[in-house]
Amino acid sequence: METSQIYILISIIILLIIAILMIFIVKKNKNKKQKQLTPLVGLALAFILSAIIFGESRLVSYSLIGIGVLLAVIDIILNLKKK
C-alpha cells in the first residue's frame, strides 16, 4: 500500500467513528430540546465548505477557512454573553 492510500484509509476509519458517535449522541439527546443554528454559524459553515469545495489555491482556501473559524468563534462569544 502506498502512503496516500494509507492516509485515505485512516481518514475513512476516522469518519466512520465520528458518524457512529454522532448517531449515539443524537439518540441520547432525542428527548432534549435541540438548539437551532444561528445565521452566523450557518455563514461560518458556508465559508468552510466553500474552502473545501473551491480550494484550488491554498491562499484562497486557507483564507476562507480562517474566515469561517473566526465567525464561529464570534458566535460562541456572543452566545456566552447572552447566558
PDB file of N, CA and C in Angstrom:
ATOM      1  N   MET A   1       0.831  -1.189   0.000  1.00  0.00           N
ATOM      2  CA  MET A   1       0.000   0.000   0.000  1.00  0.00           C
ATOM      3  C   MET A   1       0.867   1.240   0.000  1.00  0.00           C
ATOM      4  N   GLU A   2       0.455   2.197  -0.796  1.00  0.00           N
ATOM      5  CA  GLU A   2       1.187   3.457  -0.841  1.00  0.00           C
ATOM      6  C   GLU A   2       0.782   4.338   0.332  1.00  0.00           C
ATOM      7  N   THR A   3       1.575   5.357   0.555  1.00  0.00           N
ATOM      8  CA  THR A   3       1.326   6.257   1.675  1.00  0.00           C
ATOM      9  C   THR A   3      -0.010   6.969   1.539  1.00  0.00           C
ATOM     10  N   SER A   4      -0.339   7.424   0.339  1.00  0.00           N
ATOM     11  CA  SER A   4      -1.598   8.139   0.145  1.00  0.00           C
ATOM     12  C   SER A   4      -2.799   7.228   0.401  1.00  0.00           C
ATOM     13  N   GLN A   5      -2.686   5.969   0.057  1.00  0.00           N
ATOM     14  CA  GLN A   5      -3.779   5.034   0.314  1.00  0.00           C
ATOM     15  C   GLN A   5      -3.961   4.798   1.814  1.00  0.00           C
ATOM     16  N   ILE A   6      -2.873   4.776   2.543  1.00  0.00           N
ATOM     17  CA  ILE A   6      -2.953   4.612   3.994  1.00  0.00           C
ATOM     18  C   ILE A   6      -3.640   5.827   4.617  1.00  0.00           C
ATOM     19  N   TYR A   7      -3.301   7.032   4.152  1.00  0.00           N
ATOM     20  CA  TYR A   7      -3.956   8.236   4.659  1.00  0.00           C
ATOM     21  C   TYR A   7      -5.453   8.220   4.367  1.00  0.00           C
ATOM     22  N   ILE A   8      -5.823   7.799   3.191  1.00  0.00           N
ATOM     23  CA  ILE A   8      -7.242   7.728   2.831  1.00  0.00           C
ATOM     24  C   ILE A   8      -7.953   6.715   3.711  1.00  0.00           C
ATOM     25  N   LEU A   9      -7.343   5.565   3.943  1.00  0.00           N
ATOM     26  CA  LEU A   9      -7.942   4.540   4.790  1.00  0.00           C
ATOM     27  C   LEU A   9      -8.116   5.036   6.223  1.00  0.00           C
ATOM     28  N   ILE A  10      -7.114   5.714   6.750  1.00  0.00           N
ATOM     29  CA  ILE A  10      -7.210   6.274   8.101  1.00  0.00           C
ATOM     30  C   ILE A  10      -8.323   7.315   8.164  1.00  0.00           C
ATOM     31  N   SER A  11      -8.434   8.161   7.149  1.00  0.00           N
ATOM     32  CA  SER A  11      -9.481   9.186   7.116  1.00  0.00           C
ATOM     33  C   SER A  11     -10.864   8.556   7.095  1.00  0.00           C
ATOM     34  N   ILE A  12     -11.044   7.516   6.309  1.00  0.00           N
ATOM     35  CA  ILE A  12     -12.339   6.840   6.234  1.00  0.00           C
ATOM     36  C   ILE A  12     -12.690   6.206   7.577  1.00  0.00           C
ATOM     37  N   ILE A  13     -11.732   5.595   8.231  1.00  0.00           N
ATOM     38  CA  ILE A  13     -11.982   4.985   9.547  1.00  0.00           C
ATOM     39  C   ILE A  13     -12.364   6.048  10.571  1.00  0.00           C
ATOM     40  N   ILE A  14     -11.663   7.168  10.565  1.00  0.00           N
ATOM     41  CA  ILE A  14     -11.984   8.243  11.499  1.00  0.00           C
ATOM     42  C   ILE A  14     -13.375   8.796  11.236  1.00  0.00           C
ATOM     43  N   LEU A  15     -13.743   8.972   9.964  1.00  0.00           N
ATOM     44  CA  LEU A  15     -15.089   9.460   9.635  1.00  0.00           C
ATOM     45  C   LEU A  15     -16.164   8.478  10.075  1.00  0.00           C
ATOM     46  N   LEU A  16     -15.905   7.190   9.941  1.00  0.00           N
ATOM     47  CA  LEU A  16     -16.868   6.190  10.407  1.00  0.00           C
ATOM     48  C   LEU A  16     -17.034   6.243  11.923  1.00  0.00           C
ATOM     49  N   ILE A  17     -15.943   6.408  12.640  1.00  0.00           N
ATOM     50  CA  ILE A  17     -16.017   6.509  14.098  1.00  0.00           C
ATOM     51  C   ILE A  17     -16.813   7.744  14.506  1.00  0.00           C
ATOM     52  N   ILE A  18     -16.566   8.863  13.840  1.00  0.00           N
ATOM     53  CA  ILE A  18     -17.309  10.092  14.140  1.00  0.00           C
ATOM     54  C   ILE A  18     -18.790   9.903  13.839  1.00  0.00           C
ATOM     55  N   ALA A  19     -19.125   9.257  12.724  1.00  0.00           N
ATOM     56  CA  ALA A  19     -20.524   9.028  12.372  1.00  0.00           C
ATOM     57  C   ALA A  19     -21.216   8.151  13.405  1.00  0.00           C
ATOM     58  N   ILE A  20     -20.546   7.108  13.855  1.00  0.00           N
ATOM     59  CA  ILE A  20     -21.131   6.217  14.870  1.00  0.00           C
ATOM     60  C   ILE A  20     -21.339   6.974  16.181  1.00  0.00           C
ATOM     61  N   LEU A  21     -20.368   7.784  16.584  1.00  0.00           N
ATOM     62  CA  LEU A  21     -20.519   8.573  17.803  1.00  0.00           C
ATOM     63  C   LEU A  21     -21.660   9.572  17.686  1.00  0.00           C
ATOM     64  N   MET A  22     -21.801  10.179  16.520  1.00  0.00           N
ATOM     65  CA  MET A  22     -22.892  11.138  16.323  1.00  0.00           C
ATOM     66  C   MET A  22     -24.252  10.449  16.406  1.00  0.00           C
ATOM     67  N   ILE A  23     -24.361   9.245  15.896  1.00  0.00           N
ATOM     68  CA  ILE A  23     -25.625   8.505  15.980  1.00  0.00           C
ATOM     69  C   ILE A  23     -25.986   8.257  17.436  1.00  0.00           C
ATOM     70  N   PHE A  24     -25.011   7.841  18.245  1.00  0.00           N
ATOM     71  CA  PHE A  24     -25.276   7.612  19.663  1.00  0.00           C
ATOM     72  C   PHE A  24     -25.635   8.903  20.387  1.00  0.00           C
ATOM     73  N   ILE A  25     -24.974   9.995  20.049  1.00  0.00           N
ATOM     74  CA  ILE A  25     -25.263  11.280  20.698  1.00  0.00           C
ATOM     75  C   ILE A  25     -26.667  11.756  20.337  1.00  0.00           C
ATOM     76  N   VAL A  26     -27.055  11.614  19.071  1.00  0.00           N
ATOM     77  CA  VAL A  26     -28.388  12.041  18.642  1.00  0.00           C
ATOM     78  C   VAL A  26     -29.457  11.201  19.330  1.00  0.00           C
ATOM     79  N   LYS A  27     -29.247   9.896  19.420  1.00  0.00           N
ATOM     80  CA  LYS A  27     -30.218   9.041  20.104  1.00  0.00           C
ATOM     81  C   LYS A  27     -30.319   9.389  21.584  1.00  0.00           C
ATOM     82  N   LYS A  28     -29.207   9.718  22.202  1.00  0.00           N
ATOM     83  CA  LYS A  28     -29.184  10.056  23.620  1.00  0.00           C
ATOM     84  C   LYS A  28     -29.918  11.371  23.876  1.00  0.00           C
ATOM     85  N   ASN A  29     -29.759  12.338  22.988  1.00  0.00           N
ATOM     86  CA  ASN A  29     -30.337  13.668  23.172  1.00  0.00           C
ATOM     87  C   ASN A  29     -31.662  13.847  22.445  1.00  0.00           C
ATOM     88  N   LYS A  30     -32.325  12.780  22.078  1.00  0.00           N
ATOM     89  CA  LYS A  30     -33.548  12.899  21.301  1.00  0.00           C
ATOM     90  C   LYS A  30     -34.651  13.605  22.084  1.00  0.00           C
ATOM     91  N   ASN A  31     -34.714  13.391  23.372  1.00  0.00           N
ATOM     92  CA  ASN A  31     -35.766  13.993  24.181  1.00  0.00           C
ATOM     93  C   ASN A  31     -35.459  15.432  24.570  1.00  0.00           C
ATOM     94  N   LYS A  32     -34.206  15.806  24.526  1.00  0.00           N
ATOM     95  CA  LYS A  32     -33.827  17.164  24.892  1.00  0.00           C
ATOM     96  C   LYS A  32     -34.101  18.117  23.731  1.00  0.00           C
ATOM     97  N   LYS A  33     -34.306  19.372  24.068  1.00  0.00           N
ATOM     98  CA  LYS A  33     -34.575  20.379  23.038  1.00  0.00           C
ATOM     99  C   LYS A  33     -33.298  20.664  22.244  1.00  0.00           C
ATOM    100  N   GLN A  34     -33.393  20.561  20.943  1.00  0.00           N
ATOM    101  CA  GLN A  34     -32.238  20.808  20.073  1.00  0.00           C
ATOM    102  C   GLN A  34     -32.062  22.308  19.854  1.00  0.00           C
ATOM    103  N   LYS A  35     -30.833  22.768  19.892  1.00  0.00           N
ATOM    104  CA  LYS A  35     -30.553  24.167  19.612  1.00  0.00           C
ATOM    105  C   LYS A  35     -30.510  24.374  18.102  1.00  0.00           C
ATOM    106  N   GLN A  36     -31.069  25.472  17.663  1.00  0.00           N
ATOM    107  CA  GLN A  36     -31.053  25.807  16.250  1.00  0.00           C
ATOM    108  C   GLN A  36     -29.748  26.515  15.897  1.00  0.00           C
ATOM    109  N   LEU A  37     -29.325  26.338  14.663  1.00  0.00           N
ATOM    110  CA  LEU A  37     -28.122  27.038  14.209  1.00  0.00           C
ATOM    111  C   LEU A  37     -28.439  28.513  14.011  1.00  0.00           C
ATOM    112  N   THR A  38     -27.527  29.351  14.453  1.00  0.00           N
ATOM    113  CA  THR A  38     -27.702  30.784  14.236  1.00  0.00           C
ATOM    114  C   THR A  38     -27.235  31.125  12.829  1.00  0.00           C
ATOM    115  N   PRO A  39     -27.681  32.260  12.305  1.00  0.00           N
ATOM    116  CA  PRO A  39     -27.227  32.650  10.967  1.00  0.00           C
ATOM    117  C   PRO A  39     -25.711  32.804  10.861  1.00  0.00           C
ATOM    118  N   LEU A  40     -25.082  33.228  11.954  1.00  0.00           N
ATOM    119  CA  LEU A  40     -23.625  33.398  11.941  1.00  0.00           C
ATOM    120  C   LEU A  40     -22.920  32.050  11.805  1.00  0.00           C
ATOM    121  N   VAL A  41     -23.438  31.024  12.464  1.00  0.00           N
ATOM    122  CA  VAL A  41     -22.860  29.683  12.343  1.00  0.00           C
ATOM    123  C   VAL A  41     -23.092  29.136  10.937  1.00  0.00           C
ATOM    124  N   GLY A  42     -24.267  29.394  10.377  1.00  0.00           N
ATOM    125  CA  GLY A  42     -24.532  28.966   9.004  1.00  0.00           C
ATOM    126  C   GLY A  42     -23.578  29.604   8.011  1.00  0.00           C
ATOM    127  N   LEU A  43     -23.304  30.874   8.222  1.00  0.00           N
ATOM    128  CA  LEU A  43     -22.357  31.578   7.354  1.00  0.00           C
ATOM    129  C   LEU A  43     -20.945  31.027   7.523  1.00  0.00           C
ATOM    130  N   ALA A  44     -20.560  30.729   8.758  1.00  0.00           N
ATOM    131  CA  ALA A  44     -19.238  30.146   9.018  1.00  0.00           C
ATOM    132  C   ALA A  44     -19.115  28.788   8.341  1.00  0.00           C
ATOM    133  N   LEU A  45     -20.163  27.985   8.452  1.00  0.00           N
ATOM    134  CA  LEU A  45     -20.160  26.676   7.806  1.00  0.00           C
ATOM    135  C   LEU A  45     -20.073  26.818   6.281  1.00  0.00           C
ATOM    136  N   ALA A  46     -20.766  27.805   5.737  1.00  0.00           N
ATOM    137  CA  ALA A  46     -20.711  28.027   4.293  1.00  0.00           C
ATOM    138  C   ALA A  46     -19.296  28.406   3.845  1.00  0.00           C
ATOM    139  N   PHE A  47     -18.613  29.230   4.621  1.00  0.00           N
ATOM    140  CA  PHE A  47     -17.236  29.606   4.271  1.00  0.00           C
ATOM    141  C   PHE A  47     -16.308  28.388   4.317  1.00  0.00           C
ATOM    142  N   ILE A  48     -16.466  27.565   5.341  1.00  0.00           N
ATOM    143  CA  ILE A  48     -15.598  26.386   5.464  1.00  0.00           C
ATOM    144  C   ILE A  48     -15.871  25.392   4.341  1.00  0.00           C
ATOM    145  N   LEU A  49     -17.139  25.167   4.032  1.00  0.00           N
ATOM    146  CA  LEU A  49     -17.468  24.255   2.930  1.00  0.00           C
ATOM    147  C   LEU A  49     -16.995  24.793   1.586  1.00  0.00           C
ATOM    148  N   SER A  50     -17.121  26.095   1.378  1.00  0.00           N
ATOM    149  CA  SER A  50     -16.637  26.662   0.113  1.00  0.00           C
ATOM    150  C   SER A  50     -15.123  26.557   0.010  1.00  0.00           C
ATOM    151  N   ALA A  51     -14.428  26.635   1.133  1.00  0.00           N
ATOM    152  CA  ALA A  51     -12.974  26.458   1.111  1.00  0.00           C
ATOM    153  C   ALA A  51     -12.615  25.040   0.711  1.00  0.00           C
ATOM    154  N   ILE A  52     -13.401  24.080   1.187  1.00  0.00           N
ATOM    155  CA  ILE A  52     -13.125  22.684   0.847  1.00  0.00           C
ATOM    156  C   ILE A  52     -13.454  22.423  -0.617  1.00  0.00           C
ATOM    157  N   ILE A  53     -14.576  22.944  -1.079  1.00  0.00           N
ATOM    158  CA  ILE A  53     -15.036  22.654  -2.437  1.00  0.00           C
ATOM    159  C   ILE A  53     -14.235  23.416  -3.489  1.00  0.00           C
ATOM    160  N   PHE A  54     -14.032  24.721  -3.262  1.00  0.00           N
ATOM    161  CA  PHE A  54     -13.398  25.560  -4.278  1.00  0.00           C
ATOM    162  C   PHE A  54     -11.954  25.893  -3.961  1.00  0.00           C
ATOM    163  N   GLY A  55     -11.290  25.106  -3.150  1.00  0.00           N
ATOM    164  CA  GLY A  55      -9.955  25.442  -2.685  1.00  0.00           C
ATOM    165  C   GLY A  55      -8.842  24.994  -3.598  1.00  0.00           C
ATOM    166  N   GLU A  56      -8.815  25.461  -4.812  1.00  0.00           N
ATOM    167  CA  GLU A  56      -7.710  25.136  -5.729  1.00  0.00           C
ATOM    168  C   GLU A  56      -6.429  25.828  -5.286  1.00  0.00           C
ATOM    169  N   SER A  57      -6.559  27.065  -4.867  1.00  0.00           N
ATOM    170  CA  SER A  57      -5.410  27.829  -4.402  1.00  0.00           C
ATOM    171  C   SER A  57      -5.341  27.728  -2.879  1.00  0.00           C
ATOM    172  N   ARG A  58      -4.169  27.475  -2.365  1.00  0.00           N
ATOM    173  CA  ARG A  58      -4.036  27.343  -0.910  1.00  0.00           C
ATOM    174  C   ARG A  58      -4.354  28.653  -0.201  1.00  0.00           C
ATOM    175  N   LEU A  59      -3.956  29.766  -0.780  1.00  0.00           N
ATOM    176  CA  LEU A  59      -4.198  31.064  -0.150  1.00  0.00           C
ATOM    177  C   LEU A  59      -5.690  31.311  -0.002  1.00  0.00           C
ATOM    178  N   VAL A  60      -6.442  31.059  -1.050  1.00  0.00           N
ATOM    179  CA  VAL A  60      -7.889  31.261  -1.015  1.00  0.00           C
ATOM    180  C   VAL A  60      -8.536  30.279  -0.042  1.00  0.00           C
ATOM    181  N   SER A  61      -8.129  29.043  -0.105  1.00  0.00           N
ATOM    182  CA  SER A  61      -8.713  28.004   0.743  1.00  0.00           C
ATOM    183  C   SER A  61      -8.467  28.294   2.223  1.00  0.00           C
ATOM    184  N   TYR A  62      -7.254  28.593   2.587  1.00  0.00           N
ATOM    185  CA  TYR A  62      -6.947  28.877   3.984  1.00  0.00           C
ATOM    186  C   TYR A  62      -7.609  30.170   4.445  1.00  0.00           C
ATOM    187  N   SER A  63      -7.735  31.141   3.561  1.00  0.00           N
ATOM    188  CA  SER A  63      -8.420  32.386   3.927  1.00  0.00           C
ATOM    189  C   SER A  63      -9.890  32.131   4.225  1.00  0.00           C
ATOM    190  N   LEU A  64     -10.547  31.332   3.394  1.00  0.00           N
ATOM    191  CA  LEU A  64     -11.959  31.022   3.620  1.00  0.00           C
ATOM    192  C   LEU A  64     -12.150  30.223   4.911  1.00  0.00           C
ATOM    193  N   ILE A  65     -11.249  29.287   5.181  1.00  0.00           N
ATOM    194  CA  ILE A  65     -11.342  28.524   6.427  1.00  0.00           C
ATOM    195  C   ILE A  65     -11.117  29.454   7.626  1.00  0.00           C
ATOM    196  N   GLY A  66     -10.179  30.361   7.517  1.00  0.00           N
ATOM    197  CA  GLY A  66      -9.926  31.316   8.599  1.00  0.00           C
ATOM    198  C   GLY A  66     -11.124  32.203   8.872  1.00  0.00           C
ATOM    199  N   ILE A  67     -11.782  32.672   7.818  1.00  0.00           N
ATOM    200  CA  ILE A  67     -12.984  33.494   7.990  1.00  0.00           C
ATOM    201  C   ILE A  67     -14.083  32.681   8.663  1.00  0.00           C
ATOM    202  N   GLY A  68     -14.244  31.421   8.241  1.00  0.00           N
ATOM    203  CA  GLY A  68     -15.260  30.561   8.839  1.00  0.00           C
ATOM    204  C   GLY A  68     -15.007  30.310  10.314  1.00  0.00           C
ATOM    205  N   VAL A  69     -13.773  30.041  10.662  1.00  0.00           N
ATOM    206  CA  VAL A  69     -13.430  29.802  12.071  1.00  0.00           C
ATOM    207  C   VAL A  69     -13.622  31.075  12.887  1.00  0.00           C
ATOM    208  N   LEU A  70     -13.239  32.205  12.337  1.00  0.00           N
ATOM    209  CA  LEU A  70     -13.409  33.476  13.038  1.00  0.00           C
ATOM    210  C   LEU A  70     -14.887  33.761  13.306  1.00  0.00           C
ATOM    211  N   LEU A  71     -15.740  33.521  12.316  1.00  0.00           N
ATOM    212  CA  LEU A  71     -17.177  33.728  12.512  1.00  0.00           C
ATOM    213  C   LEU A  71     -17.741  32.771  13.559  1.00  0.00           C
ATOM    214  N   ALA A  72     -17.263  31.543  13.571  1.00  0.00           N
ATOM    215  CA  ALA A  72     -17.727  30.584  14.574  1.00  0.00           C
ATOM    216  C   ALA A  72     -17.305  31.014  15.976  1.00  0.00           C
ATOM    217  N   VAL A  73     -16.098  31.511  16.121  1.00  0.00           N
ATOM    218  CA  VAL A  73     -15.618  31.976  17.423  1.00  0.00           C
ATOM    219  C   VAL A  73     -16.419  33.192  17.880  1.00  0.00           C
ATOM    220  N   ILE A  74     -16.723  34.101  16.960  1.00  0.00           N
ATOM    221  CA  ILE A  74     -17.543  35.270  17.294  1.00  0.00           C
ATOM    222  C   ILE A  74     -18.923  34.826  17.774  1.00  0.00           C
ATOM    223  N   ASP A  75     -19.499  33.833  17.116  1.00  0.00           N
ATOM    224  CA  ASP A  75     -20.805  33.324  17.530  1.00  0.00           C
ATOM    225  C   ASP A  75     -20.744  32.701  18.920  1.00  0.00           C
ATOM    226  N   ILE A  76     -19.687  31.976  19.209  1.00  0.00           N
ATOM    227  CA  ILE A  76     -19.522  31.378  20.542  1.00  0.00           C
ATOM    228  C   ILE A  76     -19.449  32.472  21.600  1.00  0.00           C
ATOM    229  N   ILE A  77     -18.684  33.511  21.331  1.00  0.00           N
ATOM    230  CA  ILE A  77     -18.547  34.612  22.301  1.00  0.00           C
ATOM    231  C   ILE A  77     -19.892  35.299  22.503  1.00  0.00           C
ATOM    232  N   LEU A  78     -20.634  35.546  21.423  1.00  0.00           N
ATOM    233  CA  LEU A  78     -21.937  36.189  21.548  1.00  0.00           C
ATOM    234  C   LEU A  78     -22.910  35.323  22.344  1.00  0.00           C
ATOM    235  N   ASN A  79     -22.883  34.013  22.129  1.00  0.00           N
ATOM    236  CA  ASN A  79     -23.775  33.125  22.865  1.00  0.00           C
ATOM    237  C   ASN A  79     -23.393  33.050  24.342  1.00  0.00           C
ATOM    238  N   LEU A  80     -22.120  33.135  24.664  1.00  0.00           N
ATOM    239  CA  LEU A  80     -21.694  33.120  26.061  1.00  0.00           C
ATOM    240  C   LEU A  80     -22.121  34.401  26.783  1.00  0.00           C
ATOM    241  N   LYS A  81     -22.109  35.520  26.063  1.00  0.00           N
ATOM    242  CA  LYS A  81     -22.532  36.786  26.666  1.00  0.00           C
ATOM    243  C   LYS A  81     -24.027  36.805  26.933  1.00  0.00           C
ATOM    244  N   LYS A  82     -24.819  36.105  26.110  1.00  0.00           N
ATOM    245  CA  LYS A  82     -26.269  36.061  26.303  1.00  0.00           C
ATOM    246  C   LYS A  82     -26.636  35.282  27.562  1.00  0.00           C
ATOM    247  N   LYS A  83     -25.847  34.287  27.911  1.00  0.00           N
ATOM    248  CA  LYS A  83     -26.128  33.470  29.084  1.00  0.00           C
ATOM    249  C   LYS A  83     -25.618  34.167  30.284  1.00  0.00           C
TER     250      LYS A  83
END
